[in-house]
């Protein structure tokens, strides 16, 4: 049975910020590619929630690569059959700023 995907406010905000950046700096093609990558990753996560690696310091937080520059941070709620999207993380940022 597939897990339900639940978007947190932070995940929605960081996702839209990345799309806004791509709209400013790149073309519609890159925006479409990113949206498609996220869509495909969410389908895969729904079927196989444990595909992401477990965060080093926070064992309930998982991280999976969406693009070489963007990772998706999420939490699995096995009893509710939910995956909570916590944030989209730009891998070029300072890792010390990672708060999840």
Protein backbone atom coordinates (compact mmCIF):
# COMPACT_ATOMS: atom_id res chain seq x y z
CA UNK A 1 0.00 0.00 0.00
CA UNK A 2 1.33 3.43 -0.94
CA UNK A 3 2.12 6.05 1.67
CA UNK A 4 0.33 9.39 1.58
CA UNK A 5 2.53 12.45 0.94
CA UNK A 6 1.97 15.35 3.35
CA UNK A 7 3.56 18.74 2.63
CA UNK A 8 4.70 20.86 5.59
CA UNK A 9 4.57 24.65 5.29
CA UNK A 10 8.39 24.71 5.17
CA UNK A 11 8.50 22.16 2.34
CA UNK A 12 5.97 24.14 0.33
CA UNK A 13 7.91 27.38 0.95
CA UNK A 14 11.32 25.96 -0.03
CA UNK A 15 9.86 24.19 -3.08
CA UNK A 16 8.29 27.43 -4.34
CA UNK A 17 11.51 29.35 -3.59
CA UNK A 18 13.47 26.96 -5.81
CA UNK A 19 10.92 27.30 -8.59
CA UNK A 20 11.06 31.09 -8.27
CA UNK A 21 14.86 30.99 -8.50
CA UNK A 22 14.72 28.76 -11.58
CA UNK A 23 12.20 31.11 -13.20
CA UNK A 24 14.53 34.09 -12.66
CA UNK A 25 17.84 32.51 -13.54
CA UNK A 26 16.99 29.72 -15.96
CA UNK A 27 14.32 28.81 -18.50
CA UNK A 28 10.88 27.24 -18.36
CA UNK A 29 12.49 23.99 -19.45
CA UNK A 30 14.54 23.81 -16.24
CA UNK A 31 11.46 24.63 -14.16
CA UNK A 32 9.49 21.88 -15.90
CA UNK A 33 12.37 19.42 -15.43
CA UNK A 34 12.57 20.22 -11.72
CA UNK A 35 8.81 19.87 -11.22
CA UNK A 36 8.88 16.54 -13.07
CA UNK A 37 11.83 15.30 -10.99
CA UNK A 38 10.00 16.17 -7.77
CA UNK A 39 6.81 14.51 -9.02
CA UNK A 40 8.68 11.31 -9.94
CA UNK A 41 10.56 11.29 -6.63
CA UNK A 42 7.28 11.62 -4.70
CA UNK A 43 5.77 8.69 -6.59
CA UNK A 44 8.85 6.62 -5.78
CA UNK A 45 8.82 7.71 -2.12
CA UNK A 46 5.15 6.84 -1.80
CA UNK A 47 5.92 3.28 -2.88
CA UNK A 48 9.32 2.94 -1.15
CA UNK A 49 9.57 5.38 1.76
CA UNK A 50 12.95 4.18 3.03
CA UNK A 51 14.90 4.98 -0.16
CA UNK A 52 16.45 8.07 1.39
CA UNK A 53 19.44 7.90 3.66
CA UNK A 54 18.93 8.49 7.36
CA UNK A 55 20.34 11.79 8.61
CA UNK A 56 23.53 11.40 10.65
CA UNK A 57 22.29 13.15 13.78
CA UNK A 58 18.52 12.81 13.48
CA UNK A 59 17.59 9.18 12.92
CA UNK A 60 13.93 9.91 12.11
CA UNK A 61 14.83 12.28 9.29
CA UNK A 62 15.57 10.97 5.80
CA UNK A 63 17.25 12.76 2.90
CA UNK A 64 17.04 11.87 -0.77
CA UNK A 65 18.52 13.54 -3.82
CA UNK A 66 16.08 15.16 -6.26
CA UNK A 67 18.74 16.88 -8.37
CA UNK A 68 22.48 17.21 -7.88
CA UNK A 69 21.83 20.61 -6.25
CA UNK A 70 18.60 19.83 -4.34
CA UNK A 71 17.74 17.26 -1.70
CA UNK A 72 14.37 16.45 -0.19
CA UNK A 73 14.21 16.14 3.59
CA UNK A 74 11.35 14.03 4.94
CA UNK A 75 10.02 12.02 7.86
CA UNK A 76 8.20 8.67 7.68
CA UNK A 77 5.14 8.02 9.85
CA UNK A 78 4.74 4.24 9.44
CA UNK A 79 1.64 3.85 11.61
CA UNK A 80 -0.25 6.50 9.64
CA UNK A 81 1.28 5.40 6.33
CA UNK A 82 2.43 9.00 5.72
CA UNK A 83 5.55 10.69 4.49
CA UNK A 84 5.88 14.24 5.76
CA UNK A 85 7.95 16.46 3.48
CA UNK A 86 9.97 18.73 5.74
CA UNK A 87 12.04 20.82 3.34
CA UNK A 88 13.83 21.05 0.03
CA UNK A 89 17.50 21.72 0.69
CA UNK A 90 19.94 23.42 -1.68
CA UNK A 91 23.03 21.24 -1.37
CA UNK A 92 25.28 24.23 -2.06
CA UNK A 93 24.27 25.86 1.25
CA UNK A 94 26.34 25.77 4.41
CA UNK A 95 25.55 22.44 6.14
CA UNK A 96 25.68 24.24 9.51
CA UNK A 97 22.44 25.97 8.52
CA UNK A 98 20.63 22.62 8.20
CA UNK A 99 17.97 22.69 10.91
CA UNK A 100 16.04 19.45 10.46
